[in-house]
């Protein structure tokens, strides 16, 4: 009976810990999205874009796409890189527009690299799904 009780307590604790982590993660993402959109200091916006890419949550994609219109090229560069890390296909068109508008610049090259990363990720996911259906 004690073992069953301990297992139940551990399961409840684990589910609460997971919910707490998810809430903390969401708050963290929201903080960096607001920082990227509104912070007056360039370095903070650059770091916000980097962190959003590293945190790997696609909820940040629209914010990162809007950041492609930032007045600072370093913020744009960090946002381009973050979008490449996230692998969301909705970023391809805005990244392509940057590559055309900024042709011959570092921003254009990075936008092209990020598009390639996204396409590679999509191809990987497609192959993975095909392999899973073949196994079934």
N, C-alpha and C. Protein backbone atom coordinates (compact mmCIF):
# COMPACT_ATOMS: atom_id res chain seq x y z
N UNK A 1 0.82 -1.19 0.00
CA UNK A 1 0.00 0.00 0.00
C UNK A 1 0.87 1.26 0.00
N UNK A 2 1.98 1.22 0.77
CA UNK A 2 2.87 2.38 0.81
C UNK A 2 3.49 2.65 -0.55
N UNK A 3 3.82 1.56 -1.26
CA UNK A 3 4.44 1.71 -2.58
C UNK A 3 3.47 2.38 -3.55
N UNK A 4 2.21 1.99 -3.51
CA UNK A 4 1.20 2.58 -4.41
C UNK A 4 1.05 4.06 -4.09
N UNK A 5 0.99 4.38 -2.81
CA UNK A 5 0.86 5.77 -2.40
C UNK A 5 2.06 6.59 -2.88
N UNK A 6 3.26 6.05 -2.74
CA UNK A 6 4.47 6.75 -3.18
C UNK A 6 4.47 6.96 -4.69
N UNK A 7 4.03 5.97 -5.43
CA UNK A 7 3.96 6.10 -6.88
C UNK A 7 2.96 7.20 -7.26
N UNK A 8 1.82 7.23 -6.62
CA UNK A 8 0.81 8.25 -6.90
C UNK A 8 1.36 9.64 -6.59
N UNK A 9 2.01 9.78 -5.44
CA UNK A 9 2.59 11.07 -5.06
C UNK A 9 3.65 11.49 -6.08
N UNK A 10 4.49 10.57 -6.50
CA UNK A 10 5.52 10.89 -7.49
C UNK A 10 4.90 11.30 -8.82
N UNK A 11 3.84 10.63 -9.23
CA UNK A 11 3.17 10.99 -10.49
C UNK A 11 2.56 12.37 -10.41
N UNK A 12 1.92 12.68 -9.31
CA UNK A 12 1.34 14.02 -9.13
C UNK A 12 2.43 15.07 -9.12
N UNK A 13 3.50 14.82 -8.40
CA UNK A 13 4.63 15.76 -8.35
C UNK A 13 5.23 15.96 -9.73
N UNK A 14 5.40 14.89 -10.48
CA UNK A 14 5.99 14.98 -11.82
C UNK A 14 5.11 15.78 -12.75
N UNK A 15 3.80 15.57 -12.69
CA UNK A 15 2.90 16.32 -13.58
C UNK A 15 2.87 17.80 -13.20
N UNK A 16 2.94 18.10 -11.91
CA UNK A 16 2.99 19.51 -11.48
C UNK A 16 4.31 20.15 -11.91
N UNK A 17 5.40 19.42 -11.83
CA UNK A 17 6.70 19.94 -12.23
C UNK A 17 6.71 20.23 -13.73
N UNK A 18 6.11 19.33 -14.51
CA UNK A 18 6.05 19.53 -15.96
C UNK A 18 5.20 20.75 -16.29
N UNK A 19 4.07 20.89 -15.65
CA UNK A 19 3.20 22.05 -15.89
C UNK A 19 3.91 23.34 -15.50
N UNK A 20 4.63 23.30 -14.41
CA UNK A 20 5.38 24.47 -13.97
C UNK A 20 6.47 24.83 -14.96
N UNK A 21 7.16 23.82 -15.48
CA UNK A 21 8.20 24.06 -16.48
C UNK A 21 7.61 24.67 -17.74
N UNK A 22 6.47 24.14 -18.19
CA UNK A 22 5.83 24.65 -19.40
C UNK A 22 5.40 26.10 -19.23
N UNK A 23 4.86 26.43 -18.07
CA UNK A 23 4.45 27.81 -17.80
C UNK A 23 5.68 28.72 -17.78
N UNK A 24 6.73 28.28 -17.12
CA UNK A 24 7.97 29.06 -17.05
C UNK A 24 8.54 29.27 -18.45
N UNK A 25 8.53 28.23 -19.26
CA UNK A 25 9.03 28.32 -20.64
C UNK A 25 8.21 29.33 -21.44
N UNK A 26 6.89 29.27 -21.31
CA UNK A 26 6.02 30.19 -22.03
C UNK A 26 6.27 31.64 -21.59
N UNK A 27 6.42 31.86 -20.31
CA UNK A 27 6.69 33.21 -19.81
C UNK A 27 8.04 33.72 -20.32
N UNK A 28 9.01 32.82 -20.38
CA UNK A 28 10.34 33.16 -20.88
C UNK A 28 10.26 33.60 -22.35
N UNK A 29 9.54 32.84 -23.15
CA UNK A 29 9.37 33.15 -24.57
C UNK A 29 8.69 34.52 -24.72
N UNK A 30 7.61 34.71 -23.97
CA UNK A 30 6.87 35.98 -24.06
C UNK A 30 7.75 37.17 -23.68
N UNK A 31 8.58 36.99 -22.66
CA UNK A 31 9.49 38.05 -22.24
C UNK A 31 10.43 38.44 -23.38
N UNK A 32 11.04 37.44 -24.04
CA UNK A 32 11.99 37.74 -25.09
C UNK A 32 11.30 38.28 -26.35
N UNK A 33 10.05 37.87 -26.59
CA UNK A 33 9.32 38.42 -27.72
C UNK A 33 9.05 39.92 -27.49
N UNK A 34 8.62 40.27 -26.29
CA UNK A 34 8.38 41.69 -25.97
C UNK A 34 9.68 42.48 -26.04
N UNK A 35 10.76 41.88 -25.55
CA UNK A 35 12.05 42.55 -25.60
C UNK A 35 12.46 42.82 -27.04
N UNK A 36 12.31 41.86 -27.90
CA UNK A 36 12.66 42.02 -29.31
C UNK A 36 11.83 43.11 -29.96
N UNK A 37 10.57 43.20 -29.62
CA UNK A 37 9.68 44.17 -30.25
C UNK A 37 9.87 45.58 -29.72
N UNK A 38 10.18 45.74 -28.43
CA UNK A 38 10.05 47.07 -27.84
C UNK A 38 11.28 47.63 -27.13
N UNK A 39 12.30 46.84 -26.92
CA UNK A 39 13.41 47.34 -26.12
C UNK A 39 14.18 48.41 -26.88
N UNK A 40 14.53 49.51 -26.21
CA UNK A 40 15.24 50.60 -26.90
C UNK A 40 16.70 50.28 -27.21
N UNK A 41 17.30 49.33 -26.50
CA UNK A 41 18.71 49.05 -26.72
C UNK A 41 18.89 47.94 -27.75
N UNK A 42 19.72 48.21 -28.74
CA UNK A 42 19.97 47.28 -29.84
C UNK A 42 20.49 45.95 -29.33
N UNK A 43 21.45 45.98 -28.42
CA UNK A 43 22.05 44.74 -27.92
C UNK A 43 21.00 43.84 -27.26
N UNK A 44 20.04 44.43 -26.58
CA UNK A 44 18.98 43.63 -25.96
C UNK A 44 18.10 42.98 -27.04
N UNK A 45 17.82 43.71 -28.11
CA UNK A 45 17.00 43.15 -29.18
C UNK A 45 17.76 42.03 -29.91
N UNK A 46 19.06 42.22 -30.10
CA UNK A 46 19.88 41.18 -30.72
C UNK A 46 19.85 39.91 -29.87
N UNK A 47 20.08 40.07 -28.58
CA UNK A 47 20.07 38.91 -27.68
C UNK A 47 18.70 38.26 -27.62
N UNK A 48 17.65 39.06 -27.66
CA UNK A 48 16.29 38.51 -27.64
C UNK A 48 16.07 37.62 -28.86
N UNK A 49 16.49 38.08 -30.03
CA UNK A 49 16.34 37.26 -31.25
C UNK A 49 17.14 35.96 -31.11
N UNK A 50 18.35 36.06 -30.61
CA UNK A 50 19.18 34.85 -30.42
C UNK A 50 18.52 33.87 -29.47
N UNK A 51 18.04 34.38 -28.35
CA UNK A 51 17.41 33.50 -27.36
C UNK A 51 16.16 32.85 -27.92
N UNK A 52 15.37 33.60 -28.69
CA UNK A 52 14.16 33.02 -29.28
C UNK A 52 14.50 31.87 -30.23
N UNK A 53 15.58 32.01 -30.97
CA UNK A 53 16.02 30.91 -31.82
C UNK A 53 16.48 29.72 -31.01
N UNK A 54 17.22 29.99 -29.94
CA UNK A 54 17.74 28.91 -29.10
C UNK A 54 16.65 28.18 -28.31
N UNK A 55 15.59 28.90 -27.97
CA UNK A 55 14.51 28.29 -27.17
C UNK A 55 13.61 27.37 -27.99
N UNK A 56 13.74 27.44 -29.31
CA UNK A 56 13.07 26.49 -30.21
C UNK A 56 11.56 26.41 -30.02
N UNK A 57 10.90 27.54 -29.96
CA UNK A 57 9.44 27.56 -29.86
C UNK A 57 8.90 28.39 -31.01
N UNK A 58 8.12 27.75 -31.86
CA UNK A 58 7.65 28.41 -33.08
C UNK A 58 6.66 29.53 -32.82
N UNK A 59 6.20 29.67 -31.60
CA UNK A 59 5.30 30.78 -31.29
C UNK A 59 6.00 32.13 -31.53
N UNK A 60 7.32 32.11 -31.53
CA UNK A 60 8.10 33.34 -31.71
C UNK A 60 8.26 33.72 -33.18
N UNK A 61 7.86 32.88 -34.11
CA UNK A 61 8.09 33.14 -35.54
C UNK A 61 7.49 34.47 -35.98
N UNK A 62 6.23 34.79 -35.69
CA UNK A 62 5.69 36.08 -36.15
C UNK A 62 6.47 37.29 -35.61
N UNK A 63 6.90 37.20 -34.37
CA UNK A 63 7.69 38.29 -33.78
C UNK A 63 9.03 38.42 -34.50
N UNK A 64 9.66 37.30 -34.78
CA UNK A 64 10.95 37.33 -35.49
C UNK A 64 10.78 37.85 -36.91
N UNK A 65 9.69 37.51 -37.56
CA UNK A 65 9.43 38.02 -38.91
C UNK A 65 9.26 39.54 -38.87
N UNK A 66 8.51 40.04 -37.89
CA UNK A 66 8.36 41.50 -37.76
C UNK A 66 9.71 42.17 -37.50
N UNK A 67 10.59 41.47 -36.79
CA UNK A 67 11.91 42.04 -36.47
C UNK A 67 12.79 42.18 -37.71
N UNK A 68 12.41 41.54 -38.80
CA UNK A 68 13.16 41.71 -40.06
C UNK A 68 13.04 43.14 -40.59
N UNK A 69 12.12 43.90 -40.02
CA UNK A 69 11.94 45.31 -40.40
C UNK A 69 12.62 46.26 -39.42
N UNK A 70 13.37 45.74 -38.48
CA UNK A 70 14.08 46.57 -37.50
C UNK A 70 15.03 47.52 -38.23
N UNK A 71 15.32 48.65 -37.60
CA UNK A 71 16.21 49.65 -38.21
C UNK A 71 17.68 49.24 -38.12
N UNK A 72 17.98 48.29 -37.26
CA UNK A 72 19.36 47.88 -37.05
C UNK A 72 19.66 46.57 -37.78
N UNK A 73 20.71 46.57 -38.59
CA UNK A 73 21.08 45.39 -39.38
C UNK A 73 21.47 44.20 -38.50
N UNK A 74 22.06 44.45 -37.34
CA UNK A 74 22.45 43.35 -36.46
C UNK A 74 21.23 42.64 -35.87
N UNK A 75 20.18 43.40 -35.58
CA UNK A 75 18.93 42.80 -35.08
C UNK A 75 18.31 41.96 -36.20
N UNK A 76 18.33 42.48 -37.40
CA UNK A 76 17.79 41.74 -38.55
C UNK A 76 18.59 40.45 -38.75
N UNK A 77 19.91 40.55 -38.69
CA UNK A 77 20.77 39.37 -38.86
C UNK A 77 20.44 38.30 -37.82
N UNK A 78 20.33 38.71 -36.55
CA UNK A 78 20.03 37.75 -35.48
C UNK A 78 18.65 37.13 -35.68
N UNK A 79 17.71 37.91 -36.17
CA UNK A 79 16.36 37.40 -36.42
C UNK A 79 16.35 36.41 -37.58
N UNK A 80 17.11 36.71 -38.61
CA UNK A 80 17.23 35.80 -39.75
C UNK A 80 17.77 34.45 -39.29
N UNK A 81 18.82 34.51 -38.49
CA UNK A 81 19.44 33.28 -37.99
C UNK A 81 18.47 32.48 -37.11
N UNK A 82 17.74 33.19 -36.25
CA UNK A 82 16.78 32.53 -35.37
C UNK A 82 15.68 31.84 -36.18
N UNK A 83 15.21 32.50 -37.23
CA UNK A 83 14.18 31.90 -38.08
C UNK A 83 14.71 30.63 -38.75
N UNK A 84 15.96 30.64 -39.14
CA UNK A 84 16.56 29.44 -39.72
C UNK A 84 16.60 28.29 -38.72
N UNK A 85 16.85 28.60 -37.46
CA UNK A 85 16.89 27.57 -36.43
C UNK A 85 15.51 26.98 -36.16
N UNK A 86 14.48 27.80 -36.27
CA UNK A 86 13.13 27.35 -35.93
C UNK A 86 12.51 26.47 -37.01
N UNK A 87 12.91 26.65 -38.25
CA UNK A 87 12.46 25.76 -39.32
C UNK A 87 11.01 25.90 -39.72
N UNK A 88 10.43 27.05 -39.48
CA UNK A 88 9.02 27.24 -39.83
C UNK A 88 8.88 27.71 -41.27
N UNK A 89 8.07 27.02 -42.08
CA UNK A 89 7.95 27.38 -43.49
C UNK A 89 7.35 28.77 -43.74
N UNK A 90 6.62 29.31 -42.77
CA UNK A 90 6.04 30.65 -42.95
C UNK A 90 7.11 31.74 -43.02
N UNK A 91 8.34 31.41 -42.63
CA UNK A 91 9.43 32.38 -42.67
C UNK A 91 10.11 32.44 -44.03
N UNK A 92 9.84 31.48 -44.92
CA UNK A 92 10.56 31.42 -46.19
C UNK A 92 10.32 32.68 -47.03
N UNK A 93 9.07 33.08 -47.19
CA UNK A 93 8.77 34.25 -48.04
C UNK A 93 9.44 35.53 -47.51
N UNK A 94 9.30 35.87 -46.22
CA UNK A 94 9.97 37.08 -45.73
C UNK A 94 11.50 37.00 -45.85
N UNK A 95 12.05 35.81 -45.65
CA UNK A 95 13.50 35.65 -45.79
C UNK A 95 13.92 35.83 -47.24
N UNK A 96 13.12 35.30 -48.15
CA UNK A 96 13.41 35.48 -49.57
C UNK A 96 13.36 36.96 -49.94
N UNK A 97 12.38 37.67 -49.43
CA UNK A 97 12.27 39.11 -49.70
C UNK A 97 13.50 39.86 -49.21
N UNK A 98 14.02 39.47 -48.04
CA UNK A 98 15.25 40.08 -47.52
C UNK A 98 16.40 39.77 -48.47
N UNK A 99 16.49 38.54 -48.93
CA UNK A 99 17.61 38.15 -49.80
C UNK A 99 17.58 38.93 -51.12
N UNK A 100 16.40 39.23 -51.61
CA UNK A 100 16.29 40.01 -52.85
C UNK A 100 16.58 41.49 -52.59
N UNK A 101 15.97 42.02 -51.54
CA UNK A 101 16.11 43.44 -51.22
C UNK A 101 17.55 43.81 -50.83
N UNK A 102 18.23 42.88 -50.19
CA UNK A 102 19.58 43.14 -49.69
C UNK A 102 20.65 42.42 -50.52
N UNK A 103 20.34 42.12 -51.76
CA UNK A 103 21.21 41.32 -52.61
C UNK A 103 22.68 41.76 -52.51
N UNK A 104 23.56 40.76 -52.37
CA UNK A 104 24.99 41.01 -52.30
C UNK A 104 25.51 41.35 -50.91
N UNK A 105 24.63 41.41 -49.93
CA UNK A 105 25.06 41.75 -48.57
C UNK A 105 25.11 40.50 -47.69
N UNK A 106 25.66 40.67 -46.51
CA UNK A 106 25.70 39.59 -45.53
C UNK A 106 24.29 39.17 -45.12
N UNK A 107 23.38 40.15 -45.04
CA UNK A 107 21.99 39.83 -44.69
C UNK A 107 21.37 38.90 -45.73
N UNK A 108 21.62 39.16 -47.01
CA UNK A 108 21.08 38.32 -48.08
C UNK A 108 21.65 36.92 -48.00
N UNK A 109 22.95 36.83 -47.75
CA UNK A 109 23.58 35.50 -47.65
C UNK A 109 23.01 34.72 -46.48
N UNK A 110 22.83 35.38 -45.35
CA UNK A 110 22.29 34.69 -44.18
C UNK A 110 20.83 34.31 -44.40
N UNK A 111 20.07 35.15 -45.07
CA UNK A 111 18.67 34.82 -45.37
C UNK A 111 18.61 33.58 -46.25
N UNK A 112 19.49 33.51 -47.25
CA UNK A 112 19.54 32.34 -48.12
C UNK A 112 19.90 31.09 -47.33
N UNK A 113 20.87 31.21 -46.42
CA UNK A 113 21.24 30.07 -45.57
C UNK A 113 20.08 29.61 -44.69
N UNK A 114 19.34 30.58 -44.15
CA UNK A 114 18.21 30.22 -43.30
C UNK A 114 17.10 29.54 -44.11
N UNK A 115 16.87 30.02 -45.32
CA UNK A 115 15.89 29.36 -46.19
C UNK A 115 16.31 27.92 -46.45
N UNK A 116 17.58 27.72 -46.73
CA UNK A 116 18.09 26.37 -46.99
C UNK A 116 17.93 25.47 -45.75
N UNK A 117 18.17 26.03 -44.57
CA UNK A 117 17.98 25.26 -43.34
C UNK A 117 16.53 24.84 -43.18
N UNK A 118 15.62 25.78 -43.44
CA UNK A 118 14.19 25.47 -43.30
C UNK A 118 13.79 24.40 -44.31
N UNK A 119 14.23 24.55 -45.54
CA UNK A 119 13.89 23.56 -46.57
C UNK A 119 14.48 22.18 -46.23
N UNK A 120 15.69 22.18 -45.69
CA UNK A 120 16.31 20.92 -45.29
C UNK A 120 15.53 20.27 -44.16
N UNK A 121 15.09 21.07 -43.22
CA UNK A 121 14.30 20.57 -42.10
C UNK A 121 12.98 19.99 -42.60
N UNK A 122 12.33 20.69 -43.52
CA UNK A 122 11.06 20.22 -44.07
C UNK A 122 11.24 18.90 -44.83
N UNK A 123 12.33 18.81 -45.57
CA UNK A 123 12.64 17.58 -46.30
C UNK A 123 12.88 16.42 -45.32
N UNK A 124 13.61 16.71 -44.26
CA UNK A 124 13.87 15.70 -43.23
C UNK A 124 12.56 15.21 -42.62
N UNK A 125 11.66 16.13 -42.27
CA UNK A 125 10.38 15.75 -41.67
C UNK A 125 9.55 14.92 -42.64
N UNK A 126 9.58 15.29 -43.92
CA UNK A 126 8.84 14.55 -44.94
C UNK A 126 9.38 13.12 -45.05
N UNK A 127 10.70 12.99 -45.11
CA UNK A 127 11.32 11.66 -45.18
C UNK A 127 11.03 10.84 -43.94
N UNK A 128 11.02 11.49 -42.80
CA UNK A 128 10.74 10.81 -41.54
C UNK A 128 9.30 10.28 -41.53
N UNK A 129 8.37 11.08 -42.03
CA UNK A 129 6.97 10.64 -42.08
C UNK A 129 6.80 9.49 -43.05
N UNK A 130 7.47 9.57 -44.18
CA UNK A 130 7.40 8.49 -45.17
C UNK A 130 7.97 7.20 -44.61
N UNK A 131 9.07 7.31 -43.88
CA UNK A 131 9.67 6.12 -43.26
C UNK A 131 8.75 5.53 -42.22
N UNK A 132 8.06 6.36 -41.47
CA UNK A 132 7.13 5.88 -40.45
C UNK A 132 5.93 5.18 -41.07
N UNK A 133 5.45 5.69 -42.20
CA UNK A 133 4.29 5.04 -42.84
C UNK A 133 4.71 3.72 -43.49
N UNK A 134 5.96 3.62 -43.94
CA UNK A 134 6.45 2.36 -44.52
C UNK A 134 6.55 1.28 -43.46
N UNK A 135 6.92 1.66 -42.25
CA UNK A 135 7.07 0.70 -41.16
C UNK A 135 5.71 0.15 -40.75
N UNK A 136 4.70 0.99 -40.77
CA UNK A 136 3.36 0.55 -40.37
C UNK A 136 2.81 -0.32 -41.42
